[in-house]
Amino acid sequence: MRLPILLSLSLLAGVAACATAPEPAPPVATAAGPAPVAGYDWFFHEDENDARLAYGTEATDDLKLGLDCRRGSGRLDLSANAPAGTAPEIHIESGGDTERYRAKSEPSMVNEGVFLSAEARADEPVFQRFRRVGWLALWQGDERQPFAPHPGSAGRIEQFFAFCG
């Protein structure tokens, strides 16, 4: 009688050993977004029918990128200052999504470069990603300029897109 019990216990121990779960995999590290730059931030301004989200320094002409819209239009007007000789496009990226917008280029009134302006839809993937991750980068040639909000100003991004529709 002992032999069948010992055999059953051995078999049960073997099955239990096969059923043990492997150790969980360590969490996958995700790349953090870019760090905010001292003196620069996203600024939101709205009036009755128009809104602007601009990355630059407050109350100056130092604009890196501007997004403007009419209330509920779903359309954006993009603007950026760029060095002279820059291709007439606004190339932006957010969290891996990128888009290039054909731009009108004219001499800048505030520096020796050019002023670029283009149109876009607010629902395009790069802007939807911007809403989720909170940062946007502007490419000019091979140079990538990331624009991240400071703590406390990230809500301005969603406020702008909610206004634009």
Protein backbone atom coordinates (compact mmCIF):
# COMPACT_ATOMS: atom_id res chain seq x y z
CA MET A 1 0.00 0.00 0.00
CA ARG A 2 2.89 2.34 0.65
CA LEU A 3 4.23 1.90 -2.88
CA PRO A 4 1.08 3.22 -4.64
CA ILE A 5 0.94 6.21 -2.25
CA LEU A 6 4.63 7.01 -2.78
CA LEU A 7 4.21 6.62 -6.54
CA SER A 8 1.17 8.94 -6.51
CA LEU A 9 3.00 11.55 -4.43
CA SER A 10 6.04 11.40 -6.75
CA LEU A 11 3.81 11.80 -9.79
CA LEU A 12 1.98 14.72 -8.16
CA ALA A 13 5.30 16.41 -7.26
CA GLY A 14 6.49 16.02 -10.87
CA VAL A 15 3.31 17.56 -12.29
CA ALA A 16 3.51 20.44 -9.80
CA ALA A 17 7.11 21.15 -10.81
CA CYS A 18 6.08 21.37 -14.47
CA ALA A 19 3.25 23.76 -13.66
CA THR A 20 5.34 26.44 -11.94
CA ALA A 21 5.16 29.81 -13.64
CA PRO A 22 8.36 31.37 -14.93
CA GLU A 23 9.64 34.55 -13.33
CA PRO A 24 7.93 37.62 -14.81
CA ALA A 25 10.02 39.56 -17.30
CA PRO A 26 11.44 42.83 -16.04
CA PRO A 27 9.46 45.89 -17.13
CA VAL A 28 10.47 47.34 -20.47
CA ALA A 29 12.14 50.71 -20.10
CA THR A 30 10.51 53.41 -22.18
CA ALA A 31 12.31 56.44 -23.44
CA ALA A 32 11.35 59.56 -21.59
CA GLY A 33 10.39 62.67 -23.47
CA PRO A 34 12.79 65.58 -23.80
CA ALA A 35 13.49 67.80 -20.81
CA PRO A 36 12.10 71.35 -20.65
CA VAL A 37 14.52 74.13 -21.61
CA ALA A 38 15.06 76.97 -19.13
CA GLY A 39 13.34 80.16 -20.27
CA TYR A 40 11.26 78.44 -22.97
CA ASP A 41 7.77 76.99 -22.64
CA TRP A 42 4.42 76.47 -24.34
CA PHE A 43 2.15 79.51 -24.00
CA PHE A 44 -1.60 79.47 -24.71
CA HIS A 45 -3.67 82.52 -25.58
CA GLU A 46 -7.31 82.59 -26.62
CA ASP A 47 -9.88 85.21 -27.42
CA GLU A 48 -13.47 84.76 -28.50
CA ASN A 49 -12.82 82.94 -31.80
CA ASP A 50 -9.06 82.41 -32.12
CA ALA A 51 -6.37 80.63 -30.11
CA ARG A 52 -2.60 80.35 -30.22
CA LEU A 53 -0.22 77.81 -28.73
CA ALA A 54 3.34 79.07 -29.06
CA TYR A 55 6.68 77.68 -27.97
CA GLY A 56 9.18 80.37 -27.13
CA THR A 57 9.99 82.88 -24.43
CA GLU A 58 7.16 84.77 -22.79
CA ALA A 59 6.39 88.30 -24.01
CA THR A 60 9.16 88.36 -26.65
CA ASP A 61 9.53 87.78 -30.38
CA ASP A 62 11.60 84.64 -29.69
CA LEU A 63 9.14 82.22 -31.29
CA LYS A 64 10.31 78.70 -32.12
CA LEU A 65 6.95 77.29 -33.25
CA GLY A 66 3.43 78.69 -33.30
CA LEU A 67 0.10 76.91 -33.79
CA ASP A 68 -3.01 79.02 -34.43
CA CYS A 69 -6.63 78.04 -35.00
CA ARG A 70 -10.22 79.25 -35.18
CA ARG A 71 -12.59 77.86 -32.55
CA GLY A 72 -13.89 74.41 -33.55
CA SER A 73 -12.32 74.52 -37.04
CA GLY A 74 -10.03 71.50 -36.71
CA ARG A 75 -7.50 73.43 -38.84
CA LEU A 76 -4.11 74.73 -37.73
CA ASP A 77 -1.87 77.48 -39.06
CA LEU A 78 1.76 76.63 -38.27
CA SER A 79 4.54 79.20 -38.08
CA ALA A 80 8.25 78.99 -37.31
CA ASN A 81 11.38 81.08 -37.56
CA ALA A 82 14.27 79.40 -39.34
CA PRO A 83 17.80 80.19 -40.53
CA ALA A 84 18.19 81.73 -43.98
CA GLY A 85 18.37 79.06 -46.66
CA THR A 86 16.12 76.61 -44.79
CA ALA A 87 13.91 74.48 -47.05
CA PRO A 88 10.33 75.82 -47.27
CA GLU A 89 8.80 73.19 -45.00
CA ILE A 90 7.85 72.73 -41.38
CA HIS A 91 8.99 69.25 -40.31
CA ILE A 92 7.67 68.20 -36.90
CA GLU A 93 7.86 65.07 -34.77
CA SER A 94 6.17 63.85 -31.62
CA GLY A 95 6.81 60.50 -29.96
CA GLY A 96 7.89 58.84 -33.21
CA ASP A 97 5.22 60.31 -35.51
CA THR A 98 6.57 62.81 -38.03
CA GLU A 99 5.07 65.04 -40.67
CA ARG A 100 6.38 67.56 -43.19
CA TYR A 101 4.26 70.53 -44.22
CA ARG A 102 5.00 72.53 -47.35
CA ALA A 103 5.51 76.08 -46.12
CA LYS A 104 5.48 79.59 -47.46
CA SER A 105 8.87 81.19 -46.78
CA GLU A 106 9.45 84.92 -46.45
CA PRO A 107 12.18 87.09 -44.92
CA SER A 108 11.82 87.31 -41.15
CA MET A 109 10.97 90.67 -39.60
CA VAL A 110 12.71 89.74 -36.31
CA ASN A 111 15.99 88.12 -37.39
CA GLU A 112 18.17 87.48 -40.43
CA GLY A 113 16.45 84.18 -41.20
CA VAL A 114 13.10 83.31 -42.71
CA PHE A 115 9.55 83.04 -41.41
CA LEU A 116 7.78 79.81 -42.41
CA SER A 117 4.00 79.33 -42.45
CA ALA A 118 1.96 76.24 -43.32
CA GLU A 119 -1.47 74.69 -42.80
CA ALA A 120 -2.39 71.37 -41.15
CA ARG A 121 -5.32 69.43 -39.70
CA ALA A 122 -5.53 69.17 -35.92
CA ASP A 123 -6.49 65.49 -36.12
CA GLU A 124 -3.33 64.36 -37.94
CA PRO A 125 -1.35 61.62 -36.10
CA VAL A 126 1.60 63.86 -35.18
CA PHE A 127 -0.73 66.29 -33.37
CA GLN A 128 -2.70 63.51 -31.69
CA ARG A 129 0.60 62.10 -30.40
CA PHE A 130 1.61 65.60 -29.24
CA ARG A 131 -1.61 65.74 -27.21
CA ARG A 132 -0.75 62.39 -25.58
CA VAL A 133 2.98 62.75 -24.93
CA GLY A 134 3.11 66.52 -24.36
CA TRP A 135 6.12 67.41 -26.49
CA LEU A 136 6.88 68.26 -30.08
CA ALA A 137 10.17 68.55 -31.97
CA LEU A 138 10.94 70.79 -34.93
CA TRP A 139 13.45 69.57 -37.50
CA GLN A 140 15.42 72.10 -39.52
CA GLY A 141 17.78 70.24 -41.80
CA ASP A 142 19.60 67.68 -39.62
CA GLU A 143 18.97 69.65 -36.42
CA ARG A 144 16.22 68.45 -34.07
CA GLN A 145 14.85 70.98 -31.58
CA PRO A 146 12.61 69.35 -28.93
CA PHE A 147 9.96 71.54 -27.28
CA ALA A 148 8.78 70.19 -23.92
CA PRO A 149 6.54 71.96 -21.41
CA HIS A 150 7.61 72.84 -17.89
CA PRO A 151 5.67 71.28 -15.01
CA GLY A 152 2.34 73.02 -14.70
CA SER A 153 2.08 74.15 -18.32
CA ALA A 154 1.42 70.80 -20.06
CA GLY A 155 -2.35 71.34 -19.71
CA ARG A 156 -2.11 74.26 -22.13
CA ILE A 157 -1.57 71.79 -24.97
CA GLU A 158 -4.86 69.97 -24.41
CA GLN A 159 -6.62 73.29 -23.77
CA PHE A 160 -5.51 74.48 -27.22
CA PHE A 161 -6.63 71.34 -29.07
CA ALA A 162 -9.96 71.25 -27.23
CA PHE A 163 -10.53 74.85 -28.40
CA CYS A 164 -9.59 74.02 -32.01
CA GLY A 165 -11.81 70.96 -32.27
